[in-house]
């Protein structure tokens, strides 16, 4: 079962992300960046992180740096109403639309690509 962690600046938006991103074998965990996000990432081991761009820019940089210290290959989508800043520190930058269809599609592509990549590495290592 694939896990998506949504790291948001606003607790009340968590239900929307959860409702829109749950499909097939996906679990969606929503937390605010003020919670102990590193402990949750280490404990829950998500396959993808969706981070809201409304988190202040300096805090975003700090969060991303801390995540990358121990999880270099964990995909992160920075989801935003606006585009532009922090382009060098995340994997994918999506602008929010009136619905989350693009985010759902991109998340699915990333999770399926990671699954195939992981299966190939695992099969290549079998002796």
C-alpha atoms as a PDB file:
ATOM      1  CA  UNK A   1       0.000   0.000   0.000  1.00  0.00           C
ATOM      2  CA  UNK A   2       1.431   3.379  -1.056  1.00  0.00           C
ATOM      3  CA  UNK A   3       1.482   6.271   1.413  1.00  0.00           C
ATOM      4  CA  UNK A   4       1.213   9.950   0.568  1.00  0.00           C
ATOM      5  CA  UNK A   5       2.115  12.463   3.268  1.00  0.00           C
ATOM      6  CA  UNK A   6       0.542  15.900   2.848  1.00  0.00           C
ATOM      7  CA  UNK A   7       2.460  18.567   4.722  1.00  0.00           C
ATOM      8  CA  UNK A   8       0.344  21.690   4.876  1.00  0.00           C
ATOM      9  CA  UNK A   9       0.324  25.047   6.583  1.00  0.00           C
ATOM     10  CA  UNK A  10      -3.412  24.850   7.247  1.00  0.00           C
ATOM     11  CA  UNK A  11      -4.965  21.962   9.145  1.00  0.00           C
ATOM     12  CA  UNK A  12      -8.428  22.516   7.673  1.00  0.00           C
ATOM     13  CA  UNK A  13      -7.287  21.721   4.101  1.00  0.00           C
ATOM     14  CA  UNK A  14      -6.183  18.238   5.118  1.00  0.00           C
ATOM     15  CA  UNK A  15      -9.624  16.742   4.550  1.00  0.00           C
ATOM     16  CA  UNK A  16      -9.668  18.011   0.941  1.00  0.00           C
ATOM     17  CA  UNK A  17      -6.288  16.491   0.140  1.00  0.00           C
ATOM     18  CA  UNK A  18      -7.271  13.256   1.843  1.00  0.00           C
ATOM     19  CA  UNK A  19     -10.550  13.024  -0.060  1.00  0.00           C
ATOM     20  CA  UNK A  20      -8.975  13.771  -3.429  1.00  0.00           C
ATOM     21  CA  UNK A  21      -5.774  11.721  -3.170  1.00  0.00           C
ATOM     22  CA  UNK A  22      -7.140   8.469  -1.765  1.00  0.00           C
ATOM     23  CA  UNK A  23      -7.599   5.958  -4.567  1.00  0.00           C
ATOM     24  CA  UNK A  24      -6.845   2.285  -5.140  1.00  0.00           C
ATOM     25  CA  UNK A  25      -4.250   1.231  -2.604  1.00  0.00           C
ATOM     26  CA  UNK A  26      -3.272   4.721  -1.418  1.00  0.00           C
ATOM     27  CA  UNK A  27      -3.194   5.969   2.158  1.00  0.00           C
ATOM     28  CA  UNK A  28      -3.095   9.726   2.736  1.00  0.00           C
ATOM     29  CA  UNK A  29      -1.630  11.151   5.937  1.00  0.00           C
ATOM     30  CA  UNK A  30      -2.130  14.882   6.530  1.00  0.00           C
ATOM     31  CA  UNK A  31      -0.206  16.980   9.035  1.00  0.00           C
ATOM     32  CA  UNK A  32       0.816  20.590   9.471  1.00  0.00           C
ATOM     33  CA  UNK A  33       4.452  21.580   9.218  1.00  0.00           C
ATOM     34  CA  UNK A  34       4.294  22.672  12.864  1.00  0.00           C
ATOM     35  CA  UNK A  35       3.895  19.047  13.959  1.00  0.00           C
ATOM     36  CA  UNK A  36       6.761  16.620  14.276  1.00  0.00           C
ATOM     37  CA  UNK A  37       6.910  15.944  10.543  1.00  0.00           C
ATOM     38  CA  UNK A  38      10.351  14.267  10.580  1.00  0.00           C
ATOM     39  CA  UNK A  39       9.249  11.742  13.168  1.00  0.00           C
ATOM     40  CA  UNK A  40       6.131  10.999  11.136  1.00  0.00           C
ATOM     41  CA  UNK A  41       8.165  10.632   7.918  1.00  0.00           C
ATOM     42  CA  UNK A  42      10.581   8.253   9.643  1.00  0.00           C
ATOM     43  CA  UNK A  43       7.805   6.239  11.274  1.00  0.00           C
ATOM     44  CA  UNK A  44       5.266   6.115   8.421  1.00  0.00           C
ATOM     45  CA  UNK A  45       7.821   5.983   5.578  1.00  0.00           C
ATOM     46  CA  UNK A  46       5.698   7.702   2.902  1.00  0.00           C
ATOM     47  CA  UNK A  47       6.259   7.031  -0.788  1.00  0.00           C
ATOM     48  CA  UNK A  48       5.508  10.646  -1.722  1.00  0.00           C
ATOM     49  CA  UNK A  49       5.269  13.996   0.058  1.00  0.00           C
ATOM     50  CA  UNK A  50       2.969  16.770  -1.112  1.00  0.00           C
ATOM     51  CA  UNK A  51       3.930  20.051   0.513  1.00  0.00           C
ATOM     52  CA  UNK A  52       1.771  23.171   0.393  1.00  0.00           C
ATOM     53  CA  UNK A  53       3.566  26.238  -0.884  1.00  0.00           C
ATOM     54  CA  UNK A  54       1.752  28.474   1.609  1.00  0.00           C
ATOM     55  CA  UNK A  55       4.316  27.430   4.200  1.00  0.00           C
ATOM     56  CA  UNK A  56       6.698  30.396   4.599  1.00  0.00           C
ATOM     57  CA  UNK A  57       9.654  30.167   2.181  1.00  0.00           C
ATOM     58  CA  UNK A  58      12.372  29.994   4.858  1.00  0.00           C
ATOM     59  CA  UNK A  59      10.474  27.238   6.642  1.00  0.00           C
ATOM     60  CA  UNK A  60      10.050  25.384   3.317  1.00  0.00           C
ATOM     61  CA  UNK A  61      13.804  25.438   2.749  1.00  0.00           C
ATOM     62  CA  UNK A  62      14.427  24.199   6.280  1.00  0.00           C
ATOM     63  CA  UNK A  63      11.851  21.404   5.962  1.00  0.00           C
ATOM     64  CA  UNK A  64      13.163  20.253   2.586  1.00  0.00           C
ATOM     65  CA  UNK A  65      16.765  20.299   3.784  1.00  0.00           C
ATOM     66  CA  UNK A  66      15.882  18.195   6.834  1.00  0.00           C
ATOM     67  CA  UNK A  67      13.903  15.702   4.752  1.00  0.00           C
ATOM     68  CA  UNK A  68      16.742  15.360   2.225  1.00  0.00           C
ATOM     69  CA  UNK A  69      19.304  14.628   4.953  1.00  0.00           C
ATOM     70  CA  UNK A  70      17.827  11.145   5.460  1.00  0.00           C
ATOM     71  CA  UNK A  71      15.480  10.658   2.514  1.00  0.00           C
ATOM     72  CA  UNK A  72      17.336  11.680  -0.648  1.00  0.00           C
ATOM     73  CA  UNK A  73      15.137   9.702  -3.042  1.00  0.00           C
ATOM     74  CA  UNK A  74      11.752  10.503  -1.524  1.00  0.00           C
ATOM     75  CA  UNK A  75       9.737  12.445  -4.152  1.00  0.00           C
ATOM     76  CA  UNK A  76       8.340  15.792  -3.038  1.00  0.00           C
ATOM     77  CA  UNK A  77       5.695  17.809  -4.857  1.00  0.00           C
ATOM     78  CA  UNK A  78       5.453  21.469  -3.898  1.00  0.00           C
ATOM     79  CA  UNK A  79       1.794  22.329  -4.508  1.00  0.00           C
ATOM     80  CA  UNK A  80       0.998  25.999  -4.922  1.00  0.00           C
ATOM     81  CA  UNK A  81      -1.373  28.711  -6.083  1.00  0.00           C
ATOM     82  CA  UNK A  82       1.574  30.615  -7.535  1.00  0.00           C
ATOM     83  CA  UNK A  83       4.729  29.571  -9.308  1.00  0.00           C
ATOM     84  CA  UNK A  84       8.252  30.820  -9.178  1.00  0.00           C
ATOM     85  CA  UNK A  85      10.314  30.458  -6.034  1.00  0.00           C
ATOM     86  CA  UNK A  86      12.109  27.437  -4.555  1.00  0.00           C
ATOM     87  CA  UNK A  87      12.304  25.743  -7.966  1.00  0.00           C
ATOM     88  CA  UNK A  88      15.726  24.324  -7.183  1.00  0.00           C
ATOM     89  CA  UNK A  89      14.768  22.513  -3.972  1.00  0.00           C
ATOM     90  CA  UNK A  90      11.884  20.223  -4.872  1.00  0.00           C
ATOM     91  CA  UNK A  91      11.098  17.545  -7.394  1.00  0.00           C
ATOM     92  CA  UNK A  92       7.940  18.926  -8.971  1.00  0.00           C
ATOM     93  CA  UNK A  93       6.164  22.260  -8.713  1.00  0.00           C
ATOM     94  CA  UNK A  94       2.416  22.208  -9.455  1.00  0.00           C
ATOM     95  CA  UNK A  95       0.155  25.225  -9.524  1.00  0.00           C
ATOM     96  CA  UNK A  96      -3.187  24.627  -7.805  1.00  0.00           C
ATOM     97  CA  UNK A  97      -6.270  24.721  -9.954  1.00  0.00           C
ATOM     98  CA  UNK A  98      -9.934  24.695  -9.008  1.00  0.00           C
ATOM     99  CA  UNK A  99      -9.623  20.961  -8.385  1.00  0.00           C
ATOM    100  CA  UNK A 100      -6.815  18.530  -7.635  1.00  0.00           C
ATOM    101  CA  UNK A 101      -6.967  16.415 -10.804  1.00  0.00           C
ATOM    102  CA  UNK A 102      -3.475  17.402 -11.970  1.00  0.00           C
ATOM    103  CA  UNK A 103      -2.033  16.654  -8.533  1.00  0.00           C
ATOM    104  CA  UNK A 104      -3.794  13.272  -8.474  1.00  0.00           C
ATOM    105  CA  UNK A 105      -2.441  12.414 -11.902  1.00  0.00           C
ATOM    106  CA  UNK A 106       1.148  13.497 -11.132  1.00  0.00           C
ATOM    107  CA  UNK A 107       1.125  11.693  -7.783  1.00  0.00           C
ATOM    108  CA  UNK A 108      -0.064   8.518  -9.489  1.00  0.00           C
ATOM    109  CA  UNK A 109       2.658   8.771 -12.154  1.00  0.00           C
ATOM    110  CA  UNK A 110       5.365   9.317  -9.513  1.00  0.00           C
ATOM    111  CA  UNK A 111       4.163   6.432  -7.349  1.00  0.00           C
ATOM    112  CA  UNK A 112       3.891   4.029 -10.289  1.00  0.00           C
ATOM    113  CA  UNK A 113       7.301   5.076 -11.628  1.00  0.00           C
ATOM    114  CA  UNK A 114       8.878   4.560  -8.207  1.00  0.00           C
ATOM    115  CA  UNK A 115       7.226   1.140  -7.950  1.00  0.00           C
ATOM    116  CA  UNK A 116       8.666   0.035 -11.307  1.00  0.00           C
ATOM    117  CA  UNK A 117      12.086   1.472 -10.486  1.00  0.00           C
ATOM    118  CA  UNK A 118      12.123  -0.248  -7.091  1.00  0.00           C
ATOM    119  CA  UNK A 119      11.041  -3.577  -8.595  1.00  0.00           C
ATOM    120  CA  UNK A 120      13.811  -3.354 -11.193  1.00  0.00           C
ATOM    121  CA  UNK A 121      16.442  -2.644  -8.523  1.00  0.00           C
ATOM    122  CA  UNK A 122      15.146  -5.470  -6.356  1.00  0.00           C
ATOM    123  CA  UNK A 123      15.126  -7.999  -9.194  1.00  0.00           C
ATOM    124  CA  UNK A 124      18.585  -6.910 -10.326  1.00  0.00           C
ATOM    125  CA  UNK A 125      19.982  -7.574  -6.850  1.00  0.00           C
ATOM    126  CA  UNK A 126      18.696 -11.151  -6.560  1.00  0.00           C
ATOM    127  CA  UNK A 127      21.585 -13.649  -6.657  1.00  0.00           C
END
